[in-house]
Amino acid sequence: MASMKNIKLRIKSIENTMQITRAMKLVASSRLRKAQARVLETRPYTSLLKDSLDEIANSNSDFSSVYVKKREVKKKLYIVFAGDRGLAGGYNANMFRMIESVTKNENAAFLPVGKKALEFLKKRDAEILSESFPLVGEVSVSDCYEMSRIICKGFKNKDFDEIHIAGTRFESVLSQVPFTLQLLPFTPDETEGPRKVATYDPNPDDVFNAIIPEYLAGIIYGVMCESAASEQGARRMAMENATNNASDMIGTLSLTYNRARQSAITQEITEIVAGAGGGEE
């Protein structure tokens, strides 16, 4: 009977846990829909700015913006996006594994965005440029512009020779892929066909330098949206798997309980029959 009682308590405990995981799955699904909508809304904006920068860089032979000049790489800066919470499957672990791989043996500083990213970098005594963005959920468009201003200033002052951003690309609910993207120096894509001839006022360099902070802020915001969608997608799948596993455990424990109960009833009947037989003698 003690064993049956323990099994019932275990089943009740797992049922309570399953209610929590089911609720977290529903919350993640709701947030995922909103995050996906933001991802789709930001892609055309950054694509248009990228095309404009490519056009300026490729249409002028004497173009020489500071943001496109390559130099010896002595130090890099990585903007790292991770989650604010756990319970998201391998979302955070995959990001940190990639960061450790790409920055191995490099002289690098980091700008973490998200509680988990800040904790990860602090544990490894990494050089942290700023701790002003500890929560991804509270990062606004103005914060993205602030990050853009910080990295543009650092690149112009030659504090950093290359600037990269690390996030997670949302491909589907089942697939979220960590990636890095070089932001500076900016490398324009080659345009096909004859170059367009355009006149820029006051000059191409000034126009390009005015657009680049907007472009970087848009890229940062886009990566934030992609990472947020990836986190919610990973959490949804993790909670769905946890709910399914809990359901399987309840089924197994219920079967064990029924067998134990049947065994106890059989034993009681056997004792009663044996006792009645002894009384007749």
C-alpha atoms as a PDB file:
ATOM      1  CA  MET A   1       0.000   0.000   0.000  1.00  0.00           C
ATOM      2  CA  ALA A   2       2.890   2.349   0.750  1.00  0.00           C
ATOM      3  CA  SER A   3       4.234   1.726  -2.762  1.00  0.00           C
ATOM      4  CA  MET A   4       0.841   2.491  -4.300  1.00  0.00           C
ATOM      5  CA  LYS A   5       0.625   5.703  -2.298  1.00  0.00           C
ATOM      6  CA  ASN A   6       4.051   6.795  -3.551  1.00  0.00           C
ATOM      7  CA  ILE A   7       3.015   6.090  -7.127  1.00  0.00           C
ATOM      8  CA  LYS A   8      -0.141   8.184  -6.732  1.00  0.00           C
ATOM      9  CA  LEU A   9       1.879  11.075  -5.295  1.00  0.00           C
ATOM     10  CA  ARG A  10       4.330  10.828  -8.195  1.00  0.00           C
ATOM     11  CA  ILE A  11       1.498  10.875 -10.725  1.00  0.00           C
ATOM     12  CA  LYS A  12      -0.011  13.955  -9.048  1.00  0.00           C
ATOM     13  CA  SER A  13       3.341  15.725  -9.073  1.00  0.00           C
ATOM     14  CA  ILE A  14       3.888  15.013 -12.781  1.00  0.00           C
ATOM     15  CA  GLU A  15       0.339  16.173 -13.588  1.00  0.00           C
ATOM     16  CA  ASN A  16       1.072  19.506 -11.878  1.00  0.00           C
ATOM     17  CA  THR A  17       4.302  19.845 -13.839  1.00  0.00           C
ATOM     18  CA  MET A  18       2.503  19.004 -17.078  1.00  0.00           C
ATOM     19  CA  GLN A  19      -0.009  21.791 -16.444  1.00  0.00           C
ATOM     20  CA  ILE A  20       2.894  24.251 -16.153  1.00  0.00           C
ATOM     21  CA  THR A  21       4.650  23.042 -19.305  1.00  0.00           C
ATOM     22  CA  ARG A  22       1.376  23.101 -21.248  1.00  0.00           C
ATOM     23  CA  ALA A  23       0.730  26.702 -20.138  1.00  0.00           C
ATOM     24  CA  MET A  24       4.297  27.727 -21.051  1.00  0.00           C
ATOM     25  CA  LYS A  25       3.861  26.160 -24.482  1.00  0.00           C
ATOM     26  CA  LEU A  26       0.716  28.232 -25.086  1.00  0.00           C
ATOM     27  CA  VAL A  27       2.460  31.427 -23.961  1.00  0.00           C
ATOM     28  CA  ALA A  28       5.463  30.679 -26.198  1.00  0.00           C
ATOM     29  CA  SER A  29       3.156  29.994 -29.159  1.00  0.00           C
ATOM     30  CA  SER A  30       1.441  33.351 -28.691  1.00  0.00           C
ATOM     31  CA  ARG A  31       4.735  35.223 -28.431  1.00  0.00           C
ATOM     32  CA  LEU A  32       6.137  33.310 -31.397  1.00  0.00           C
ATOM     33  CA  ARG A  33       3.351  34.552 -33.684  1.00  0.00           C
ATOM     34  CA  LYS A  34       4.094  38.150 -32.724  1.00  0.00           C
ATOM     35  CA  ALA A  35       7.852  37.632 -33.124  1.00  0.00           C
ATOM     36  CA  GLN A  36       7.391  36.079 -36.578  1.00  0.00           C
ATOM     37  CA  ALA A  37       5.327  39.080 -37.653  1.00  0.00           C
ATOM     38  CA  ARG A  38       8.109  41.435 -36.526  1.00  0.00           C
ATOM     39  CA  VAL A  39      10.703  39.423 -38.450  1.00  0.00           C
ATOM     40  CA  LEU A  40       8.699  39.712 -41.679  1.00  0.00           C
ATOM     41  CA  GLU A  41       8.192  43.446 -41.130  1.00  0.00           C
ATOM     42  CA  THR A  42      11.890  44.245 -40.591  1.00  0.00           C
ATOM     43  CA  ARG A  43      13.383  42.328 -43.523  1.00  0.00           C
ATOM     44  CA  PRO A  44      12.242  44.737 -46.305  1.00  0.00           C
ATOM     45  CA  TYR A  45      13.640  47.766 -44.413  1.00  0.00           C
ATOM     46  CA  THR A  46      17.141  46.370 -43.942  1.00  0.00           C
ATOM     47  CA  SER A  47      17.140  44.977 -47.484  1.00  0.00           C
ATOM     48  CA  LEU A  48      16.316  48.426 -48.927  1.00  0.00           C
ATOM     49  CA  LEU A  49      19.068  50.120 -46.905  1.00  0.00           C
ATOM     50  CA  LYS A  50      21.561  47.444 -47.960  1.00  0.00           C
ATOM     51  CA  ASP A  51      20.689  47.991 -51.622  1.00  0.00           C
ATOM     52  CA  SER A  52      21.147  51.745 -51.195  1.00  0.00           C
ATOM     53  CA  LEU A  53      24.587  51.307 -49.631  1.00  0.00           C
ATOM     54  CA  ASP A  54      25.638  48.861 -52.356  1.00  0.00           C
ATOM     55  CA  GLU A  55      24.505  51.311 -55.020  1.00  0.00           C
ATOM     56  CA  ILE A  56      26.476  54.207 -53.513  1.00  0.00           C
ATOM     57  CA  ALA A  57      29.628  52.129 -53.080  1.00  0.00           C
ATOM     58  CA  ASN A  58      29.503  50.604 -56.560  1.00  0.00           C
ATOM     59  CA  SER A  59      28.519  53.711 -58.536  1.00  0.00           C
ATOM     60  CA  ASN A  60      31.514  55.828 -57.534  1.00  0.00           C
ATOM     61  CA  SER A  61      35.074  54.885 -58.402  1.00  0.00           C
ATOM     62  CA  ASP A  62      36.557  57.385 -55.916  1.00  0.00           C
ATOM     63  CA  PHE A  63      34.415  56.154 -53.014  1.00  0.00           C
ATOM     64  CA  SER A  64      36.465  55.934 -49.789  1.00  0.00           C
ATOM     65  CA  SER A  65      34.267  55.869 -46.700  1.00  0.00           C
ATOM     66  CA  VAL A  66      35.954  55.004 -43.405  1.00  0.00           C
ATOM     67  CA  TYR A  67      33.329  52.300 -42.899  1.00  0.00           C
ATOM     68  CA  VAL A  68      34.495  50.226 -45.891  1.00  0.00           C
ATOM     69  CA  LYS A  69      38.273  50.483 -45.377  1.00  0.00           C
ATOM     70  CA  LYS A  70      39.833  47.214 -44.262  1.00  0.00           C
ATOM     71  CA  ARG A  71      42.816  47.246 -41.932  1.00  0.00           C
ATOM     72  CA  GLU A  72      44.917  44.820 -39.972  1.00  0.00           C
ATOM     73  CA  VAL A  73      42.663  43.038 -37.496  1.00  0.00           C
ATOM     74  CA  LYS A  74      44.071  43.520 -34.022  1.00  0.00           C
ATOM     75  CA  LYS A  75      40.817  43.424 -32.094  1.00  0.00           C
ATOM     76  CA  LYS A  76      37.229  42.435 -32.833  1.00  0.00           C
ATOM     77  CA  LEU A  77      33.898  43.292 -31.252  1.00  0.00           C
ATOM     78  CA  TYR A  78      30.990  40.856 -31.124  1.00  0.00           C
ATOM     79  CA  ILE A  79      27.403  41.838 -30.366  1.00  0.00           C
ATOM     80  CA  VAL A  80      25.952  38.662 -28.855  1.00  0.00           C
ATOM     81  CA  PHE A  81      22.209  37.992 -28.640  1.00  0.00           C
ATOM     82  CA  ALA A  82      20.982  35.261 -26.273  1.00  0.00           C
ATOM     83  CA  GLY A  83      17.888  34.654 -24.173  1.00  0.00           C
ATOM     84  CA  ASP A  84      16.681  36.189 -20.937  1.00  0.00           C
ATOM     85  CA  ARG A  85      15.545  32.840 -19.518  1.00  0.00           C
ATOM     86  CA  GLY A  86      16.213  29.146 -19.814  1.00  0.00           C
ATOM     87  CA  LEU A  87      13.758  26.317 -20.589  1.00  0.00           C
ATOM     88  CA  ALA A  88      14.321  26.877 -24.315  1.00  0.00           C
ATOM     89  CA  GLY A  89      15.951  23.629 -25.332  1.00  0.00           C
ATOM     90  CA  GLY A  90      19.379  24.125 -26.880  1.00  0.00           C
ATOM     91  CA  TYR A  91      18.797  27.755 -27.911  1.00  0.00           C
ATOM     92  CA  ASN A  92      21.301  29.377 -25.534  1.00  0.00           C
ATOM     93  CA  ALA A  93      23.731  26.439 -25.494  1.00  0.00           C
ATOM     94  CA  ASN A  94      24.018  26.410 -29.296  1.00  0.00           C
ATOM     95  CA  MET A  95      24.740  30.140 -29.374  1.00  0.00           C
ATOM     96  CA  PHE A  96      27.447  29.932 -26.706  1.00  0.00           C
ATOM     97  CA  ARG A  97      29.044  26.910 -28.359  1.00  0.00           C
ATOM     98  CA  MET A  98      29.297  28.869 -31.607  1.00  0.00           C
ATOM     99  CA  ILE A  99      30.725  31.957 -29.850  1.00  0.00           C
ATOM    100  CA  GLU A 100      33.413  29.873 -28.168  1.00  0.00           C
ATOM    101  CA  SER A 101      34.286  28.328 -31.534  1.00  0.00           C
ATOM    102  CA  VAL A 102      34.499  31.508 -33.636  1.00  0.00           C
ATOM    103  CA  THR A 103      36.322  33.606 -31.014  1.00  0.00           C
ATOM    104  CA  LYS A 104      38.880  30.974 -30.057  1.00  0.00           C
ATOM    105  CA  ASN A 105      42.384  32.499 -29.920  1.00  0.00           C
ATOM    106  CA  GLU A 106      41.011  35.918 -30.912  1.00  0.00           C
ATOM    107  CA  ASN A 107      41.463  39.262 -29.179  1.00  0.00           C
ATOM    108  CA  ALA A 108      37.788  40.164 -28.841  1.00  0.00           C
ATOM    109  CA  ALA A 109      35.450  42.298 -26.786  1.00  0.00           C
ATOM    110  CA  PHE A 110      31.740  41.663 -26.437  1.00  0.00           C
ATOM    111  CA  LEU A 111      28.504  43.605 -26.257  1.00  0.00           C
ATOM    112  CA  PRO A 112      26.020  41.153 -24.698  1.00  0.00           C
ATOM    113  CA  VAL A 113      22.283  41.525 -25.215  1.00  0.00           C
ATOM    114  CA  GLY A 114      20.252  39.277 -22.940  1.00  0.00           C
ATOM    115  CA  LYS A 115      20.649  38.008 -19.402  1.00  0.00           C
ATOM    116  CA  LYS A 116      22.073  34.638 -20.421  1.00  0.00           C
ATOM    117  CA  ALA A 117      24.667  36.227 -22.729  1.00  0.00           C
ATOM    118  CA  LEU A 118      25.839  38.548 -19.944  1.00  0.00           C
ATOM    119  CA  GLU A 119      26.091  35.670 -17.454  1.00  0.00           C
ATOM    120  CA  PHE A 120      27.975  33.491 -19.956  1.00  0.00           C
ATOM    121  CA  LEU A 121      30.575  36.163 -20.763  1.00  0.00           C
ATOM    122  CA  LYS A 122      31.060  37.149 -17.122  1.00  0.00           C
ATOM    123  CA  LYS A 123      31.786  33.551 -16.151  1.00  0.00           C
ATOM    124  CA  ARG A 124      34.535  33.451 -18.762  1.00  0.00           C
ATOM    125  CA  ASP A 125      36.015  36.809 -17.708  1.00  0.00           C
ATOM    126  CA  ALA A 126      35.518  38.169 -21.225  1.00  0.00           C
ATOM    127  CA  GLU A 127      35.967  41.860 -21.969  1.00  0.00           C
ATOM    128  CA  ILE A 128      32.476  43.374 -21.896  1.00  0.00           C
ATOM    129  CA  LEU A 129      32.010  46.710 -23.646  1.00  0.00           C
ATOM    130  CA  SER A 130      28.682  47.542 -22.006  1.00  0.00           C
ATOM    131  CA  GLU A 131      26.116  45.974 -19.663  1.00  0.00           C
ATOM    132  CA  SER A 132      23.375  48.401 -20.658  1.00  0.00           C
ATOM    133  CA  PHE A 133      21.258  45.822 -22.505  1.00  0.00           C
ATOM    134  CA  PRO A 134      20.706  42.917 -20.063  1.00  0.00           C
ATOM    135  CA  LEU A 135      17.187  41.993 -21.223  1.00  0.00           C
ATOM    136  CA  VAL A 136      16.301  41.224 -24.833  1.00  0.00           C
ATOM    137  CA  GLY A 137      12.617  41.635 -24.038  1.00  0.00           C
ATOM    138  CA  GLU A 138      13.189  45.278 -23.074  1.00  0.00           C
ATOM    139  CA  VAL A 139      15.410  46.284 -26.015  1.00  0.00           C
ATOM    140  CA  SER A 140      13.760  49.061 -28.014  1.00  0.00           C
ATOM    141  CA  VAL A 141      14.449  50.605 -31.410  1.00  0.00           C
ATOM    142  CA  SER A 142      16.236  53.485 -29.660  1.00  0.00           C
ATOM    143  CA  ASP A 143      18.501  50.933 -27.925  1.00  0.00           C
ATOM    144  CA  CYS A 144      19.429  49.532 -31.345  1.00  0.00           C
ATOM    145  CA  TYR A 145      20.390  53.021 -32.478  1.00  0.00           C
ATOM    146  CA  GLU A 146      22.458  53.430 -29.314  1.00  0.00           C
ATOM    147  CA  MET A 147      24.306  50.186 -30.074  1.00  0.00           C
ATOM    148  CA  SER A 148      24.837  51.388 -33.642  1.00  0.00           C
ATOM    149  CA  ARG A 149      26.311  54.649 -32.349  1.00  0.00           C
ATOM    150  CA  ILE A 150      28.633  52.764 -29.979  1.00  0.00           C
ATOM    151  CA  ILE A 151      30.019  50.442 -32.646  1.00  0.00           C
ATOM    152  CA  CYS A 152      30.403  53.200 -35.255  1.00  0.00           C
ATOM    153  CA  LYS A 153      32.355  55.302 -32.763  1.00  0.00           C
ATOM    154  CA  GLY A 154      34.539  52.344 -31.762  1.00  0.00           C
ATOM    155  CA  PHE A 155      35.299  51.500 -35.402  1.00  0.00           C
ATOM    156  CA  LYS A 156      36.093  55.094 -36.389  1.00  0.00           C
ATOM    157  CA  ASN A 157      38.376  55.500 -33.354  1.00  0.00           C
ATOM    158  CA  LYS A 158      40.111  52.219 -34.295  1.00  0.00           C
ATOM    159  CA  ASP A 159      39.220  50.633 -30.944  1.00  0.00           C
ATOM    160  CA  PHE A 160      37.985  47.689 -33.041  1.00  0.00           C
ATOM    161  CA  ASP A 161      39.093  46.636 -36.499  1.00  0.00           C
ATOM    162  CA  GLU A 162      36.154  44.343 -37.203  1.00  0.00           C
ATOM    163  CA  ILE A 163      32.654  44.300 -35.762  1.00  0.00           C
ATOM    164  CA  HIS A 164      30.421  41.241 -35.897  1.00  0.00           C
ATOM    165  CA  ILE A 165      26.950  40.408 -34.658  1.00  0.00           C
ATOM    166  CA  ALA A 166      25.916  36.961 -33.401  1.00  0.00           C
ATOM    167  CA  GLY A 167      22.309  35.845 -33.305  1.00  0.00           C
ATOM    168  CA  THR A 168      20.020  32.959 -34.165  1.00  0.00           C
ATOM    169  CA  ARG A 169      18.228  32.801 -37.498  1.00  0.00           C
ATOM    170  CA  PHE A 170      14.620  31.630 -37.293  1.00  0.00           C
ATOM    171  CA  GLU A 171      14.000  29.150 -40.080  1.00  0.00           C
ATOM    172  CA  SER A 172      11.050  27.273 -38.592  1.00  0.00           C
ATOM    173  CA  VAL A 173       9.646  26.149 -35.265  1.00  0.00           C
ATOM    174  CA  LEU A 174      11.829  23.053 -35.594  1.00  0.00           C
ATOM    175  CA  SER A 175      14.979  24.807 -36.807  1.00  0.00           C
ATOM    176  CA  GLN A 176      16.874  27.759 -35.319  1.00  0.00           C
ATOM    177  CA  VAL A 177      20.426  28.284 -36.585  1.00  0.00           C
ATOM    178  CA  PRO A 178      23.053  30.398 -34.763  1.00  0.00           C
ATOM    179  CA  PHE A 179      25.097  32.636 -37.064  1.00  0.00           C
ATOM    180  CA  THR A 180      27.550  35.528 -37.150  1.00  0.00           C
ATOM    181  CA  LEU A 181      27.488  38.459 -39.561  1.00  0.00           C
ATOM    182  CA  GLN A 182      30.234  41.002 -40.163  1.00  0.00           C
ATOM    183  CA  LEU A 183      28.898  44.531 -39.820  1.00  0.00           C
ATOM    184  CA  LEU A 184      32.066  46.592 -40.249  1.00  0.00           C
ATOM    185  CA  PRO A 185      33.979  47.117 -42.377  1.00  0.00           C
ATOM    186  CA  PHE A 186      31.015  47.104 -44.720  1.00  0.00           C
ATOM    187  CA  THR A 187      31.509  44.925 -47.802  1.00  0.00           C
ATOM    188  CA  PRO A 188      29.206  45.928 -50.664  1.00  0.00           C
ATOM    189  CA  ASP A 189      27.831  43.264 -52.962  1.00  0.00           C
ATOM    190  CA  GLU A 190      28.955  43.571 -56.550  1.00  0.00           C
ATOM    191  CA  THR A 191      26.168  44.692 -58.864  1.00  0.00           C
ATOM    192  CA  GLU A 192      25.671  42.945 -62.185  1.00  0.00           C
ATOM    193  CA  GLY A 193      25.853  44.840 -65.434  1.00  0.00           C
ATOM    194  CA  PRO A 194      27.086  48.389 -66.037  1.00  0.00           C
ATOM    195  CA  ARG A 195      27.494  50.648 -63.020  1.00  0.00           C
ATOM    196  CA  LYS A 196      24.899  53.323 -62.456  1.00  0.00           C
ATOM    197  CA  VAL A 197      26.159  56.882 -62.526  1.00  0.00           C
ATOM    198  CA  ALA A 198      24.602  58.969 -59.760  1.00  0.00           C
ATOM    199  CA  THR A 199      25.295  62.322 -58.155  1.00  0.00           C
ATOM    200  CA  TYR A 200      25.080  62.633 -54.387  1.00  0.00           C
ATOM    201  CA  ASP A 201      24.880  65.882 -52.440  1.00  0.00           C
ATOM    202  CA  PRO A 202      27.125  66.887 -50.797  1.00  0.00           C
ATOM    203  CA  ASN A 203      29.194  63.793 -51.812  1.00  0.00           C
ATOM    204  CA  PRO A 204      28.893  59.986 -51.828  1.00  0.00           C
ATOM    205  CA  ASP A 205      31.034  59.537 -48.699  1.00  0.00           C
ATOM    206  CA  ASP A 206      28.857  61.860 -46.588  1.00  0.00           C
ATOM    207  CA  VAL A 207      25.641  60.257 -47.804  1.00  0.00           C
ATOM    208  CA  PHE A 208      27.032  56.772 -47.160  1.00  0.00           C
ATOM    209  CA  ASN A 209      28.294  57.743 -43.687  1.00  0.00           C
ATOM    210  CA  ALA A 210      24.870  59.163 -42.851  1.00  0.00           C
ATOM    211  CA  ILE A 211      23.064  55.983 -43.938  1.00  0.00           C
ATOM    212  CA  ILE A 212      25.403  53.419 -42.351  1.00  0.00           C
ATOM    213  CA  PRO A 213      24.290  54.029 -38.719  1.00  0.00           C
ATOM    214  CA  GLU A 214      20.659  53.630 -39.821  1.00  0.00           C
ATOM    215  CA  TYR A 215      21.563  50.424 -41.639  1.00  0.00           C
ATOM    216  CA  LEU A 216      23.456  48.994 -38.650  1.00  0.00           C
ATOM    217  CA  ALA A 217      20.607  49.859 -36.294  1.00  0.00           C
ATOM    218  CA  GLY A 218      18.215  48.107 -38.669  1.00  0.00           C
ATOM    219  CA  ILE A 219      20.453  45.020 -38.826  1.00  0.00           C
ATOM    220  CA  ILE A 220      20.722  44.929 -35.025  1.00  0.00           C
ATOM    221  CA  TYR A 221      16.956  45.236 -34.662  1.00  0.00           C
ATOM    222  CA  GLY A 222      16.416  42.543 -37.292  1.00  0.00           C
ATOM    223  CA  VAL A 223      18.808  40.145 -35.566  1.00  0.00           C
ATOM    224  CA  MET A 224      17.048  40.856 -32.273  1.00  0.00           C
ATOM    225  CA  CYS A 225      13.688  39.965 -33.853  1.00  0.00           C
ATOM    226  CA  GLU A 226      15.121  36.809 -35.422  1.00  0.00           C
ATOM    227  CA  SER A 227      16.674  35.771 -32.098  1.00  0.00           C
ATOM    228  CA  ALA A 228      13.480  36.496 -30.162  1.00  0.00           C
ATOM    229  CA  ALA A 229      11.454  34.390 -32.600  1.00  0.00           C
ATOM    230  CA  SER A 230      14.056  31.610 -32.370  1.00  0.00           C
ATOM    231  CA  GLU A 231      13.941  31.636 -28.582  1.00  0.00           C
ATOM    232  CA  GLN A 232      10.148  31.377 -28.508  1.00  0.00           C
ATOM    233  CA  GLY A 233      10.203  28.647 -31.159  1.00  0.00           C
ATOM    234  CA  ALA A 234      12.794  26.669 -29.197  1.00  0.00           C
ATOM    235  CA  ARG A 235      10.856  27.156 -25.958  1.00  0.00           C
ATOM    236  CA  ARG A 236       7.606  26.065 -27.585  1.00  0.00           C
ATOM    237  CA  MET A 237       9.195  22.842 -28.813  1.00  0.00           C
ATOM    238  CA  ALA A 238      10.915  22.229 -25.470  1.00  0.00           C
ATOM    239  CA  MET A 239       7.652  22.656 -23.581  1.00  0.00           C
ATOM    240  CA  GLU A 240       5.772  20.476 -26.071  1.00  0.00           C
ATOM    241  CA  ASN A 241       8.368  17.719 -25.645  1.00  0.00           C
ATOM    242  CA  ALA A 242       8.248  18.110 -21.856  1.00  0.00           C
ATOM    243  CA  THR A 243       4.434  17.862 -21.910  1.00  0.00           C
ATOM    244  CA  ASN A 244       4.551  14.744 -24.099  1.00  0.00           C
ATOM    245  CA  ASN A 245       7.186  13.150 -21.857  1.00  0.00           C
ATOM    246  CA  ALA A 246       5.109  13.922 -18.785  1.00  0.00           C
ATOM    247  CA  SER A 247       2.085  12.326 -20.426  1.00  0.00           C
ATOM    248  CA  ASP A 248       4.118   9.209 -21.218  1.00  0.00           C
ATOM    249  CA  MET A 249       5.398   9.022 -17.636  1.00  0.00           C
ATOM    250  CA  ILE A 250       1.865   9.338 -16.268  1.00  0.00           C
ATOM    251  CA  GLY A 251       0.745   6.508 -18.550  1.00  0.00           C
ATOM    252  CA  THR A 252       3.604   4.277 -17.379  1.00  0.00           C
ATOM    253  CA  LEU A 253       3.030   5.080 -13.715  1.00  0.00           C
ATOM    254  CA  SER A 254      -0.728   4.544 -14.060  1.00  0.00           C
ATOM    255  CA  LEU A 255      -0.070   1.097 -15.536  1.00  0.00           C
ATOM    256  CA  THR A 256       2.329   0.321 -12.666  1.00  0.00           C
ATOM    257  CA  TYR A 257      -0.253   1.548 -10.149  1.00  0.00           C
ATOM    258  CA  ASN A 258      -3.014  -0.599 -11.667  1.00  0.00           C
ATOM    259  CA  ARG A 259      -0.776  -3.669 -11.598  1.00  0.00           C
ATOM    260  CA  ALA A 260       0.175  -3.014  -7.985  1.00  0.00           C
ATOM    261  CA  ARG A 261      -3.500  -2.483  -7.080  1.00  0.00           C
ATOM    262  CA  GLN A 262      -4.516  -5.663  -8.896  1.00  0.00           C
ATOM    263  CA  SER A 263      -1.758  -7.566  -7.127  1.00  0.00           C
ATOM    264  CA  ALA A 264      -2.900  -6.210  -3.755  1.00  0.00           C
ATOM    265  CA  ILE A 265      -6.522  -7.179  -4.426  1.00  0.00           C
ATOM    266  CA  THR A 266      -5.476 -10.649  -5.566  1.00  0.00           C
ATOM    267  CA  GLN A 267      -3.405 -11.082  -2.419  1.00  0.00           C
ATOM    268  CA  GLU A 268      -6.313 -10.004  -0.211  1.00  0.00           C
ATOM    269  CA  ILE A 269      -8.687 -12.432  -1.950  1.00  0.00           C
ATOM    270  CA  THR A 270      -6.126 -15.212  -1.553  1.00  0.00           C
ATOM    271  CA  GLU A 271      -5.795 -14.471   2.161  1.00  0.00           C
ATOM    272  CA  ILE A 272      -9.570 -14.385   2.621  1.00  0.00           C
ATOM    273  CA  VAL A 273     -10.011 -17.674   0.779  1.00  0.00           C
ATOM    274  CA  ALA A 274      -7.180 -19.251   2.730  1.00  0.00           C
ATOM    275  CA  GLY A 275      -8.679 -17.986   5.963  1.00  0.00           C
ATOM    276  CA  ALA A 276     -12.133 -19.295   5.100  1.00  0.00           C
ATOM    277  CA  GLY A 277     -10.677 -22.707   4.204  1.00  0.00           C
ATOM    278  CA  GLY A 278      -8.840 -22.869   7.504  1.00  0.00           C
ATOM    279  CA  GLY A 279     -12.077 -22.059   9.402  1.00  0.00           C
ATOM    280  CA  GLU A 280     -14.006 -24.907   7.783  1.00  0.00           C
ATOM    281  CA  GLU A 281     -11.413 -27.402   8.929  1.00  0.00           C
END
